[in-house]
N, C-alpha and C. Protein backbone atom coordinates (compact mmCIF):
# COMPACT_ATOMS: atom_id res chain seq x y z
N UNK A 1 39.80 23.17 -169.50
CA UNK A 1 41.02 23.66 -168.29
C UNK A 1 42.24 24.59 -168.97
N UNK A 2 41.85 25.49 -168.11
CA UNK A 2 43.18 26.51 -168.38
C UNK A 2 44.39 25.88 -168.08
N UNK A 3 45.57 26.05 -168.65
CA UNK A 3 46.86 25.37 -168.11
C UNK A 3 47.75 26.74 -167.85
N UNK A 4 48.20 26.27 -166.81
CA UNK A 4 49.66 27.54 -166.08
C UNK A 4 50.60 26.71 -166.46
N UNK A 5 51.77 27.17 -167.57
CA UNK A 5 52.83 26.56 -168.15
C UNK A 5 53.97 27.45 -166.91
N UNK A 6 54.84 26.90 -166.42
CA UNK A 6 55.66 27.37 -165.31
C UNK A 6 57.26 27.31 -166.06
N UNK A 7 58.17 28.22 -166.41
CA UNK A 7 59.09 28.17 -167.23
C UNK A 7 60.06 28.92 -166.34
N UNK A 8 61.04 27.63 -165.58
CA UNK A 8 62.06 28.54 -164.09
C UNK A 8 62.88 27.41 -164.02
N UNK A 9 64.15 27.86 -163.94
CA UNK A 9 65.50 26.92 -164.15
C UNK A 9 65.75 26.59 -162.58
N UNK A 10 65.21 27.48 -161.74
CA UNK A 10 64.80 26.99 -160.18
C UNK A 10 64.05 25.81 -159.93
N UNK A 11 64.39 24.84 -159.78
CA UNK A 11 63.59 23.54 -159.78
C UNK A 11 63.15 23.50 -158.28
N UNK A 12 63.39 24.15 -157.17
CA UNK A 12 62.78 24.18 -155.92
C UNK A 12 61.37 25.11 -156.47
N UNK A 13 61.88 26.51 -156.96
CA UNK A 13 60.68 27.47 -157.06
C UNK A 13 59.36 26.92 -157.94
N UNK A 14 59.98 26.48 -158.88
CA UNK A 14 58.87 25.96 -159.83
C UNK A 14 58.11 24.75 -159.34
N UNK A 15 59.18 23.96 -158.27
CA UNK A 15 57.79 22.95 -157.51
C UNK A 15 57.01 23.65 -156.65
N UNK A 16 57.24 24.30 -155.90
CA UNK A 16 56.55 24.74 -154.98
C UNK A 16 55.52 25.63 -155.74
N UNK A 17 55.63 26.27 -156.64
CA UNK A 17 54.38 27.00 -157.46
C UNK A 17 53.29 26.25 -157.76
N UNK A 18 54.01 25.06 -158.48
CA UNK A 18 53.04 23.48 -159.22
C UNK A 18 52.10 23.37 -157.75
N UNK A 19 52.64 22.91 -156.90
CA UNK A 19 52.52 22.97 -155.70
C UNK A 19 50.94 23.37 -155.26
N UNK A 20 51.41 24.85 -154.91
CA UNK A 20 50.46 26.14 -154.81
C UNK A 20 49.56 25.82 -155.90
N UNK A 21 49.74 26.04 -156.87
CA UNK A 21 48.63 26.02 -158.26
C UNK A 21 47.83 24.78 -157.87
N UNK A 22 48.47 23.23 -157.84
CA UNK A 22 47.33 22.09 -157.37
C UNK A 22 46.61 22.24 -156.57
N UNK A 23 46.87 23.18 -155.35
CA UNK A 23 46.36 23.08 -154.02
C UNK A 23 45.05 23.95 -154.62
N UNK A 24 44.65 24.35 -155.16
CA UNK A 24 43.31 25.14 -155.57
C UNK A 24 43.41 24.66 -156.79
N UNK A 25 43.15 23.62 -157.42
CA UNK A 25 42.73 22.70 -158.80
C UNK A 25 43.24 23.35 -159.73
N UNK A 26 44.43 24.14 -160.11
CA UNK A 26 44.94 24.58 -161.13
C UNK A 26 45.95 23.86 -161.60
N UNK A 27 45.79 23.14 -163.17
CA UNK A 27 47.21 22.10 -163.70
C UNK A 27 48.25 23.55 -164.15
N UNK A 28 49.28 22.32 -164.01
CA UNK A 28 50.06 23.02 -164.40
C UNK A 28 51.86 21.92 -164.82
N UNK A 29 52.01 22.84 -165.68
CA UNK A 29 53.07 21.86 -166.54
C UNK A 29 54.73 22.55 -165.79
N UNK A 30 55.49 21.97 -165.90
CA UNK A 30 56.66 22.45 -165.30
C UNK A 30 57.57 22.79 -166.41
N UNK A 31 59.11 23.23 -166.56
CA UNK A 31 59.74 23.45 -168.10
C UNK A 31 61.05 23.98 -166.98
N UNK A 32 62.62 23.41 -167.12
CA UNK A 32 63.35 24.18 -166.62
C UNK A 32 64.54 24.93 -167.92
N UNK A 33 64.42 24.66 -169.12
CA UNK A 33 64.35 25.44 -169.93
C UNK A 33 63.95 25.82 -171.57
N UNK A 34 64.01 26.65 -171.35
CA UNK A 34 63.45 27.58 -172.97
C UNK A 34 62.93 26.36 -174.31
N UNK A 35 64.28 26.39 -174.56
CA UNK A 35 63.74 25.47 -175.84
C UNK A 35 62.54 24.35 -175.40
N UNK A 36 62.62 23.54 -174.36
CA UNK A 36 61.86 22.34 -173.91
C UNK A 36 60.77 22.83 -174.01
N UNK A 37 60.51 24.29 -173.66
CA UNK A 37 59.14 24.65 -173.11
C UNK A 37 58.43 25.20 -174.55
N UNK A 38 59.20 25.44 -175.49
CA UNK A 38 58.69 25.83 -176.46
C UNK A 38 58.66 25.46 -177.73
N UNK A 39 59.26 24.10 -177.70
CA UNK A 39 58.85 22.84 -178.60
C UNK A 39 57.57 22.34 -178.29
N UNK A 40 57.17 22.15 -176.39
CA UNK A 40 56.01 21.88 -176.04
C UNK A 40 55.05 22.28 -175.93
N UNK A 41 54.94 23.71 -176.25
CA UNK A 41 53.62 24.81 -176.34
C UNK A 41 52.64 24.25 -176.93
N UNK A 42 51.53 24.04 -176.55
CA UNK A 42 50.45 23.60 -177.46
C UNK A 42 49.70 24.71 -177.59
N UNK A 43 49.11 25.35 -178.63
CA UNK A 43 48.52 26.70 -178.90
C UNK A 43 47.20 26.02 -178.82
N UNK A 44 46.83 24.37 -179.13
CA UNK A 44 45.72 24.12 -179.47
C UNK A 44 44.63 24.25 -178.06
N UNK A 45 45.13 24.61 -176.98
CA UNK A 45 44.35 24.83 -175.61
C UNK A 45 44.29 26.39 -175.01
N UNK A 46 43.84 26.73 -173.94
CA UNK A 46 43.92 27.77 -173.42
C UNK A 46 44.86 27.66 -172.39
N UNK A 47 46.08 28.52 -172.42
CA UNK A 47 47.10 28.45 -171.16
C UNK A 47 47.51 29.84 -170.87
N UNK A 48 48.46 30.20 -169.89
CA UNK A 48 49.12 30.90 -169.72
C UNK A 48 50.60 30.62 -169.10
N UNK A 49 51.62 31.56 -168.82
CA UNK A 49 53.06 31.54 -168.70
C UNK A 49 53.28 32.21 -167.86
N UNK A 50 54.16 31.43 -166.60
CA UNK A 50 54.85 32.03 -165.31
C UNK A 50 56.41 31.55 -165.92
N UNK A 51 56.76 33.23 -165.98
CA UNK A 51 57.83 33.00 -166.86
C UNK A 51 59.34 33.75 -165.78
N UNK A 52 60.13 33.00 -165.61
CA UNK A 52 61.15 33.67 -164.79
C UNK A 52 62.40 34.65 -166.10
N UNK A 53 63.07 35.45 -165.53
CA UNK A 53 63.71 36.52 -166.14
C UNK A 53 64.93 35.94 -166.75
N UNK A 54 65.52 35.83 -165.42
CA UNK A 54 67.32 35.03 -165.84
C UNK A 54 67.22 33.64 -165.72
N UNK A 55 67.65 33.02 -167.03
CA UNK A 55 67.60 31.57 -166.99
C UNK A 55 68.82 31.72 -168.27
N UNK A 56 69.68 30.07 -167.99
CA UNK A 56 70.41 30.30 -168.84
C UNK A 56 70.04 30.03 -170.94
N UNK A 57 71.02 30.26 -171.42
CA UNK A 57 70.66 30.23 -172.89
C UNK A 57 69.38 31.34 -173.68
N UNK A 58 68.65 30.77 -173.31
CA UNK A 58 67.31 31.85 -173.66
C UNK A 58 66.56 32.43 -172.09
N UNK A 59 66.74 34.14 -171.96
CA UNK A 59 66.00 34.68 -171.07
C UNK A 59 64.56 34.92 -170.93
N UNK A 60 64.15 35.03 -170.39
CA UNK A 60 62.56 35.19 -169.91
C UNK A 60 62.49 36.37 -171.14
N UNK A 61 63.06 37.22 -171.34
CA UNK A 61 62.47 38.73 -172.74
C UNK A 61 62.57 37.68 -173.53
N UNK A 62 63.39 36.64 -174.26
CA UNK A 62 64.21 36.56 -175.64
C UNK A 62 62.67 35.25 -175.64
N UNK A 63 62.44 34.83 -174.69
CA UNK A 63 61.38 33.82 -174.69
C UNK A 63 59.64 34.40 -175.22
N UNK A 64 59.88 35.66 -174.37
CA UNK A 64 58.33 36.26 -174.71
C UNK A 64 59.17 36.85 -176.21
N UNK A 65 60.00 37.81 -176.91
CA UNK A 65 60.16 37.91 -178.01
C UNK A 65 59.34 36.83 -179.06
N UNK A 66 59.88 35.54 -178.50
CA UNK A 66 59.90 34.58 -179.74
C UNK A 66 58.06 34.67 -179.99
N UNK A 67 57.86 34.05 -178.61
CA UNK A 67 56.12 34.16 -178.57
C UNK A 67 55.18 35.44 -179.15
N UNK A 68 56.16 36.35 -179.25
CA UNK A 68 55.29 37.54 -180.10
C UNK A 68 55.80 37.21 -181.38
N UNK A 69 56.61 36.79 -181.69
CA UNK A 69 56.80 36.99 -183.33
C UNK A 69 55.67 35.86 -183.65
N UNK A 70 55.59 34.98 -183.23
CA UNK A 70 54.59 33.43 -183.42
C UNK A 70 52.83 34.05 -183.51
N UNK A 71 53.10 35.22 -182.70
CA UNK A 71 51.26 35.61 -182.16
C UNK A 71 51.22 34.75 -181.43
N UNK A 72 51.51 34.48 -180.75
CA UNK A 72 50.96 33.31 -179.80
C UNK A 72 49.91 33.95 -178.68
N UNK A 73 48.91 33.34 -178.05
CA UNK A 73 47.83 33.83 -177.44
C UNK A 73 48.08 33.89 -175.85
N UNK A 74 49.37 33.90 -175.45
CA UNK A 74 49.88 33.27 -174.43
C UNK A 74 49.95 34.29 -173.20
N UNK A 75 48.88 34.38 -172.17
CA UNK A 75 49.51 35.75 -171.49
C UNK A 75 50.80 35.45 -170.68
N UNK A 76 51.47 36.31 -170.34
CA UNK A 76 52.41 36.32 -169.87
C UNK A 76 52.46 36.80 -168.53
N UNK A 77 52.94 35.99 -167.16
CA UNK A 77 53.66 37.08 -165.92
C UNK A 77 54.74 36.61 -165.69
N UNK A 78 55.62 37.85 -165.62
CA UNK A 78 57.03 37.32 -165.43
C UNK A 78 57.43 37.51 -163.60
N UNK A 79 58.38 36.79 -163.54
CA UNK A 79 58.86 36.59 -161.96
C UNK A 79 60.07 36.81 -161.75
N UNK A 80 60.43 37.26 -160.83
CA UNK A 80 62.49 37.48 -161.03
C UNK A 80 62.62 37.91 -159.64
N UNK A 81 63.80 37.79 -159.02
CA UNK A 81 64.48 37.54 -158.22
C UNK A 81 65.55 38.53 -157.77
N UNK A 82 65.53 39.26 -159.06
CA UNK A 82 66.52 40.42 -159.49
C UNK A 82 65.34 41.63 -160.24
N UNK A 83 64.60 41.48 -160.03
CA UNK A 83 63.76 43.02 -161.11
C UNK A 83 63.79 44.05 -160.52
N UNK A 84 63.66 44.92 -161.24
CA UNK A 84 63.85 46.50 -161.47
C UNK A 84 62.42 47.20 -162.18
N UNK A 85 62.44 48.64 -162.03
CA UNK A 85 61.70 49.35 -162.94
C UNK A 85 61.86 49.20 -164.09
N UNK A 86 63.35 48.93 -164.64
CA UNK A 86 63.30 48.40 -166.16
C UNK A 86 62.74 47.48 -166.66
N UNK A 87 63.39 46.50 -165.58
CA UNK A 87 62.83 45.39 -166.26
C UNK A 87 61.23 44.92 -166.45
N UNK A 88 60.43 45.99 -165.10
CA UNK A 88 59.30 45.41 -165.05
C UNK A 88 58.41 46.21 -166.65
N UNK A 89 58.97 47.46 -166.84
CA UNK A 89 58.81 48.45 -168.01
C UNK A 89 58.66 47.23 -169.02
N UNK A 90 59.80 46.98 -169.25
CA UNK A 90 60.45 46.04 -170.32
C UNK A 90 59.23 45.04 -170.52
N UNK A 91 58.93 44.23 -169.58
CA UNK A 91 57.73 43.09 -169.87
C UNK A 91 56.47 43.51 -169.69
N UNK A 92 56.18 44.80 -169.54
CA UNK A 92 54.78 45.21 -169.83
C UNK A 92 55.02 45.55 -170.88
N UNK A 93 55.88 46.47 -171.52
CA UNK A 93 55.68 47.04 -173.14
C UNK A 93 55.88 45.78 -173.87
N UNK A 94 56.02 44.85 -173.53
CA UNK A 94 56.31 43.45 -174.12
C UNK A 94 55.45 42.63 -174.11
N UNK A 95 54.07 43.09 -173.59
CA UNK A 95 52.77 42.53 -173.73
C UNK A 95 52.31 41.30 -172.85
N UNK A 96 53.32 41.57 -171.00
CA UNK A 96 53.24 40.72 -170.15
C UNK A 96 51.92 41.50 -169.51
N UNK A 97 51.20 40.66 -168.57
CA UNK A 97 50.22 40.86 -167.99
C UNK A 97 51.01 41.30 -166.46
N UNK A 98 51.66 40.94 -166.16
CA UNK A 98 51.90 41.30 -164.86
C UNK A 98 53.33 40.91 -164.85
N UNK A 99 54.54 41.79 -163.65
CA UNK A 99 55.49 41.37 -163.52
C UNK A 99 55.76 41.40 -161.62
N UNK A 100 56.18 40.21 -161.07
CA UNK A 100 56.16 39.60 -159.65
C UNK A 100 57.48 39.88 -159.61
N UNK A 101 58.06 40.03 -157.96
CA UNK A 101 59.54 40.14 -157.74
C UNK A 101 59.28 38.97 -156.90
N UNK A 102 60.33 37.85 -156.83
CA UNK A 102 60.59 36.66 -155.98
C UNK A 102 61.12 37.49 -154.90
N UNK A 103 60.63 37.05 -153.28
CA UNK A 103 59.65 36.09 -153.00
C UNK A 103 58.39 36.52 -153.25
N UNK A 104 57.48 36.20 -153.90
CA UNK A 104 56.31 36.69 -153.53
C UNK A 104 55.09 36.54 -152.96
N UNK A 105 54.32 36.91 -152.75
CA UNK A 105 52.90 36.48 -151.72
C UNK A 105 52.16 35.61 -152.49
N UNK A 106 52.04 34.23 -151.62
CA UNK A 106 51.39 32.99 -152.12
C UNK A 106 49.93 33.82 -153.02
N UNK A 107 49.04 34.07 -152.20
CA UNK A 107 47.73 34.74 -152.60
C UNK A 107 47.81 35.96 -153.68
N UNK A 108 48.52 36.87 -153.64
CA UNK A 108 48.56 37.62 -154.68
C UNK A 108 49.23 36.96 -155.72
N UNK A 109 49.92 36.18 -156.08
CA UNK A 109 50.14 35.24 -157.19
C UNK A 109 49.03 34.64 -157.40
N UNK A 110 48.92 33.56 -156.83
CA UNK A 110 47.38 32.88 -157.25
C UNK A 110 45.94 34.06 -157.75
N UNK A 111 46.44 35.24 -157.30
CA UNK A 111 45.30 36.38 -157.73
C UNK A 111 45.60 36.81 -159.40
N UNK A 112 46.88 37.05 -159.46
CA UNK A 112 47.69 37.19 -160.72
C UNK A 112 47.61 36.47 -161.73
N UNK A 113 47.60 35.17 -161.48
CA UNK A 113 47.84 33.68 -162.03
C UNK A 113 46.12 33.37 -162.65
N UNK A 114 45.05 33.84 -161.95
CA UNK A 114 43.83 33.45 -162.12
C UNK A 114 43.44 34.86 -163.37
N UNK A 115 43.75 35.75 -162.86
CA UNK A 115 43.74 37.05 -164.30
C UNK A 115 43.90 36.91 -165.26
N UNK A 116 45.15 36.16 -165.27
CA UNK A 116 45.66 35.54 -166.23
C UNK A 116 45.37 34.74 -167.31
N UNK A 117 44.43 33.69 -166.70
CA UNK A 117 44.08 32.51 -167.30
C UNK A 117 42.85 32.97 -167.57
N UNK A 118 42.22 33.88 -166.98
CA UNK A 118 40.94 34.33 -167.65
C UNK A 118 41.05 35.45 -168.84
N UNK A 119 42.34 35.93 -169.00
CA UNK A 119 43.14 36.31 -170.39
C UNK A 119 43.31 35.50 -171.46
N UNK A 120 43.74 34.52 -170.97
CA UNK A 120 43.93 33.31 -171.60
C UNK A 120 42.86 32.57 -172.45
N UNK A 121 41.62 32.36 -171.64
CA UNK A 121 40.14 32.37 -172.26
C UNK A 121 39.87 32.67 -173.05
N UNK A 122 40.08 34.19 -172.85
CA UNK A 122 39.43 34.82 -173.84
C UNK A 122 40.27 35.04 -174.97
N UNK A 123 41.66 35.28 -174.90
CA UNK A 123 41.97 35.12 -176.28
C UNK A 123 42.12 34.02 -177.25
N UNK A 124 42.09 33.03 -176.64
CA UNK A 124 42.21 31.35 -176.78
C UNK A 124 40.45 31.34 -177.67
N UNK A 125 39.61 32.03 -177.04
CA UNK A 125 38.19 32.08 -177.79
C UNK A 125 38.03 33.01 -178.87
N UNK A 126 38.81 34.18 -179.04
CA UNK A 126 38.87 34.83 -180.08
C UNK A 126 39.72 34.63 -181.03
N UNK A 127 40.83 33.84 -180.95
CA UNK A 127 41.41 33.03 -181.61
C UNK A 127 40.63 31.72 -182.95
N UNK A 128 40.32 31.13 -181.74
CA UNK A 128 39.24 30.12 -182.58
C UNK A 128 38.17 30.98 -183.46
N UNK A 129 37.77 31.81 -182.75
CA UNK A 129 36.53 32.61 -183.55
C UNK A 129 37.39 33.17 -185.51
N UNK A 130 38.59 33.37 -185.14
CA UNK A 130 38.97 34.11 -186.00
C UNK A 130 39.88 32.70 -187.00
N UNK A 131 40.17 31.89 -186.68
CA UNK A 131 40.43 30.79 -187.50
C UNK A 131 39.34 30.28 -187.84
N UNK A 132 37.92 30.19 -187.27
CA UNK A 132 36.87 29.92 -188.28
C UNK A 132 36.44 30.56 -189.05
N UNK A 133 36.76 31.82 -188.94
CA UNK A 133 36.37 32.71 -190.01
C UNK A 133 37.49 32.84 -191.45
N UNK A 134 38.47 32.54 -190.87
CA UNK A 134 39.46 32.69 -192.10
C UNK A 134 39.49 31.45 -192.79
N UNK A 135 38.90 30.32 -192.40
CA UNK A 135 38.53 28.83 -193.05
C UNK A 135 37.28 29.01 -193.87
N UNK A 136 36.13 30.28 -193.29
CA UNK A 136 35.03 29.95 -194.17
C UNK A 136 35.39 30.80 -195.06
N UNK A 137 36.26 32.23 -194.97
CA UNK A 137 36.64 32.88 -196.17
C UNK A 137 37.57 32.24 -197.23
N UNK A 138 38.30 31.25 -197.13
CA UNK A 138 38.87 30.13 -197.95
C UNK A 138 37.64 29.66 -198.74
N UNK A 139 36.86 29.82 -198.47
CA UNK A 139 35.71 28.37 -198.92
C UNK A 139 35.10 29.77 -199.99
N UNK A 140 35.35 31.21 -200.29
CA UNK A 140 34.64 32.04 -200.85
C UNK A 140 35.33 32.15 -202.79
N UNK A 141 34.81 31.89 -203.56
CA UNK A 141 35.36 31.73 -205.01
C UNK A 141 35.89 33.17 -205.24
N UNK A 142 36.69 33.31 -206.67
CA UNK A 142 37.41 34.72 -206.42
C UNK A 142 36.56 35.73 -206.54
N UNK A 143 35.53 35.59 -207.62
CA UNK A 143 34.64 36.86 -207.80
C UNK A 143 33.99 36.74 -206.39
N UNK A 144 33.82 36.03 -205.40
CA UNK A 144 33.10 36.65 -204.18
C UNK A 144 34.14 37.55 -203.15
N UNK A 145 35.39 36.88 -203.08
CA UNK A 145 36.58 37.70 -202.57
C UNK A 145 36.75 38.83 -202.81
N UNK A 146 36.71 39.24 -204.06
CA UNK A 146 36.52 40.60 -204.87
C UNK A 146 35.66 41.33 -204.35
N UNK A 147 34.12 40.76 -204.41
CA UNK A 147 33.27 41.62 -203.59
C UNK A 147 33.20 41.96 -202.15
N UNK A 148 33.37 41.01 -201.39
CA UNK A 148 33.96 40.91 -200.23
C UNK A 148 35.18 42.24 -199.85
N UNK A 149 36.16 42.29 -200.73
CA UNK A 149 37.19 43.49 -200.63
C UNK A 149 36.82 44.63 -200.97
N UNK A 150 35.98 44.80 -201.93
CA UNK A 150 35.52 45.69 -202.11
C UNK A 150 34.37 46.28 -200.64
N UNK A 151 33.28 45.84 -200.56
CA UNK A 151 32.57 45.94 -199.36
C UNK A 151 33.32 46.54 -197.87
N UNK A 152 34.47 45.60 -197.80
CA UNK A 152 35.65 46.33 -196.70
C UNK A 152 35.79 47.37 -196.92
N UNK A 153 36.17 47.89 -198.20
CA UNK A 153 36.62 49.08 -198.28
C UNK A 153 35.63 49.96 -198.26
N UNK A 154 33.84 49.86 -198.39
CA UNK A 154 33.05 50.72 -198.04
C UNK A 154 32.52 51.05 -199.21
N UNK A 155 32.97 50.27 -200.48
CA UNK A 155 32.51 50.82 -201.83
C UNK A 155 31.08 50.28 -201.95
N UNK A 156 29.96 51.31 -202.14
CA UNK A 156 28.70 50.76 -202.56
C UNK A 156 28.19 49.57 -203.56
N UNK A 157 27.54 49.32 -203.34
CA UNK A 157 27.01 47.97 -204.37
C UNK A 157 27.05 48.49 -205.81
N UNK A 158 26.29 49.56 -206.01
CA UNK A 158 26.74 49.84 -207.36
C UNK A 158 28.10 50.55 -208.15
N UNK A 159 28.80 50.94 -207.22
CA UNK A 159 30.24 51.04 -207.67
C UNK A 159 30.93 49.75 -207.74
N UNK A 160 30.78 49.14 -207.11
CA UNK A 160 31.21 47.59 -206.95
C UNK A 160 30.87 46.93 -208.51
N UNK A 161 29.59 46.94 -208.50
CA UNK A 161 28.96 46.38 -209.99
C UNK A 161 29.76 47.09 -210.86
N UNK A 162 30.34 48.51 -211.20
CA UNK A 162 30.54 48.82 -212.09
C UNK A 162 32.52 48.68 -212.23
N UNK A 163 32.72 48.74 -211.15
CA UNK A 163 34.76 48.13 -211.42
C UNK A 163 34.57 46.73 -211.45
N UNK A 164 33.49 46.17 -211.29
CA UNK A 164 34.36 44.50 -211.75
C UNK A 164 32.76 44.31 -212.94
N UNK A 165 32.77 45.14 -213.78
CA UNK A 165 31.91 45.02 -215.06
C UNK A 165 30.49 43.88 -214.89
N UNK A 166 29.86 43.53 -213.79
CA UNK A 166 28.89 43.31 -213.68
C UNK A 166 27.50 43.90 -212.78
N UNK A 167 26.37 43.32 -212.84
CA UNK A 167 25.19 44.18 -212.43
C UNK A 167 25.00 44.03 -211.38
N UNK A 168 24.55 45.34 -210.43
CA UNK A 168 24.27 45.57 -209.63
C UNK A 168 23.53 44.14 -208.87
N UNK A 169 22.29 43.55 -209.47
CA UNK A 169 21.86 42.51 -208.87
C UNK A 169 22.44 41.33 -208.74
N UNK A 170 23.44 41.09 -209.45
CA UNK A 170 24.93 40.04 -209.46
C UNK A 170 25.73 40.20 -208.15
N UNK A 171 26.14 41.45 -207.90
CA UNK A 171 26.57 42.11 -206.56
C UNK A 171 25.80 41.38 -205.48
N UNK A 172 24.34 41.57 -205.11
CA UNK A 172 23.43 41.04 -204.50
C UNK A 172 23.46 39.79 -204.38
N UNK A 173 23.16 39.38 -205.29
CA UNK A 173 23.73 37.38 -205.63
C UNK A 173 24.87 36.91 -204.41
N UNK A 174 25.92 37.60 -205.11
CA UNK A 174 27.41 37.51 -204.86
C UNK A 174 27.65 37.84 -203.02
N UNK A 175 26.88 39.02 -202.68
CA UNK A 175 26.35 38.97 -201.20
C UNK A 175 26.14 38.50 -200.56
N UNK A 176 24.77 37.78 -201.05
CA UNK A 176 24.04 36.69 -200.09
C UNK A 176 24.67 35.20 -200.54
N UNK A 177 25.55 35.17 -201.12
CA UNK A 177 26.09 33.63 -201.07
C UNK A 177 27.61 33.98 -200.03
N UNK A 178 28.34 35.49 -200.10
CA UNK A 178 28.97 35.42 -198.78
C UNK A 178 28.51 35.23 -197.74
N UNK A 179 27.48 35.80 -197.16
CA UNK A 179 26.63 35.96 -195.99
C UNK A 179 26.19 34.47 -195.75
N UNK A 180 25.86 33.51 -196.35
CA UNK A 180 25.50 32.43 -196.09
C UNK A 180 26.84 31.47 -195.91
N UNK A 181 27.80 31.47 -197.18
CA UNK A 181 29.23 30.53 -196.43
C UNK A 181 29.94 31.38 -195.54
N UNK A 182 29.90 32.27 -194.65
CA UNK A 182 30.52 33.09 -194.05
C UNK A 182 29.44 33.02 -192.47
N UNK A 183 28.44 32.55 -192.90
CA UNK A 183 27.59 32.46 -191.92
C UNK A 183 27.11 33.73 -190.99
N UNK A 184 27.09 34.66 -191.43
CA UNK A 184 27.61 36.26 -191.22
C UNK A 184 26.02 36.68 -191.02
N UNK A 185 25.52 37.23 -189.84
CA UNK A 185 24.35 37.93 -189.30
C UNK A 185 24.09 39.01 -190.68
N UNK A 186 25.31 39.71 -191.23
CA UNK A 186 24.70 40.75 -191.91
C UNK A 186 26.22 41.00 -192.28
N UNK A 187 26.03 41.74 -193.95
CA UNK A 187 27.34 42.23 -194.40
C UNK A 187 28.07 43.13 -193.44
N UNK A 188 27.40 43.96 -193.10
CA UNK A 188 27.73 44.97 -191.88
C UNK A 188 29.02 44.34 -190.69
N UNK A 189 28.69 43.24 -190.41
CA UNK A 189 28.93 42.32 -189.26
C UNK A 189 29.97 41.89 -189.79
N UNK A 190 30.16 41.05 -190.76
CA UNK A 190 31.05 40.39 -191.46
C UNK A 190 32.25 41.94 -191.82
N UNK A 191 31.86 42.51 -192.55
CA UNK A 191 33.02 43.47 -192.75
C UNK A 191 33.71 43.72 -191.75
N UNK A 192 32.91 43.86 -190.00
CA UNK A 192 33.76 44.35 -189.10
C UNK A 192 34.50 43.60 -188.58
N UNK A 193 34.04 42.21 -188.76
CA UNK A 193 34.88 40.77 -188.31
C UNK A 193 36.30 40.48 -189.00
N UNK A 194 36.01 41.26 -190.56
CA UNK A 194 37.02 40.78 -191.77
C UNK A 194 38.52 42.08 -191.27
N UNK A 195 37.78 42.94 -190.74
CA UNK A 195 38.61 44.17 -190.24
C UNK A 195 39.05 44.31 -188.76
N UNK A 196 38.71 43.49 -188.11
CA UNK A 196 39.25 42.93 -187.15
C UNK A 196 40.39 41.85 -187.38
N UNK A 197 40.28 40.80 -188.37
CA UNK A 197 40.92 40.02 -188.65
C UNK A 197 42.59 40.56 -189.14
N UNK A 198 42.49 41.52 -189.76
CA UNK A 198 43.35 42.14 -190.96
C UNK A 198 43.96 43.11 -189.95
N UNK A 199 43.19 43.40 -188.58
CA UNK A 199 44.25 44.48 -187.66
C UNK A 199 44.67 43.42 -186.54
N UNK A 200 44.93 42.26 -186.70
CA UNK A 200 45.76 41.12 -185.92
C UNK A 200 47.50 41.39 -186.10
C-alpha cells in the first residue's frame, strides 16, 4: 500500500487532508515539522509527499533539496496558501510532480495524489530492481567486473582478451558466469541495465 506523507505546520488543514484521503481508502501520516518527518521517512516502502512551502525552521524547498540530495524516490506535491508562478516553477524544476494553491479543490487534490502514488510505485519498483542488480554485481569476481566494465564500454570479446591478457574462450567463460550470477537474459540486456544504473 502506497503511503501519503503530509508535511504541513497547519494542523487543521493537514487533519482535513488526512480525513479526505482516508475517505477514499488512502493511508497517510501527518507531520508538523520537517526534521521529524525526515527522521521518520521510510524509504523501504512506496510513498509520496504532500508538502507545504512555508514552514518554520526548514521550508518545503529545503525539504525537497534534502530529499534530492539523498536520491529519495519520493514524488512531491507542493501546496501553498501564498503560491505564485516563481514558486511553482522552482518546485517543478526541483522535481515536484505538482504545485497546488490553497484552498484546493478536494477532487483535484485526490486526482493529483493518485497520480503521485502511481509515480511512487513505479519509482519504488525501479529502485528495488536497481538495488537487486547492485547486490548481484557485488557478487562478481574482480576479473568478472573487468570483463563487464569493458563490455559496457562496447569493447569486442577479442579486444577484451587482448587487454586483459587472456584467451577469447576465457572471456566467453567469464561472460557466461556474469550472466548466470546477475540472472541476465543476455549480456546486451545486462549492459543496458548497468548503463541505467550508472546514469542515476
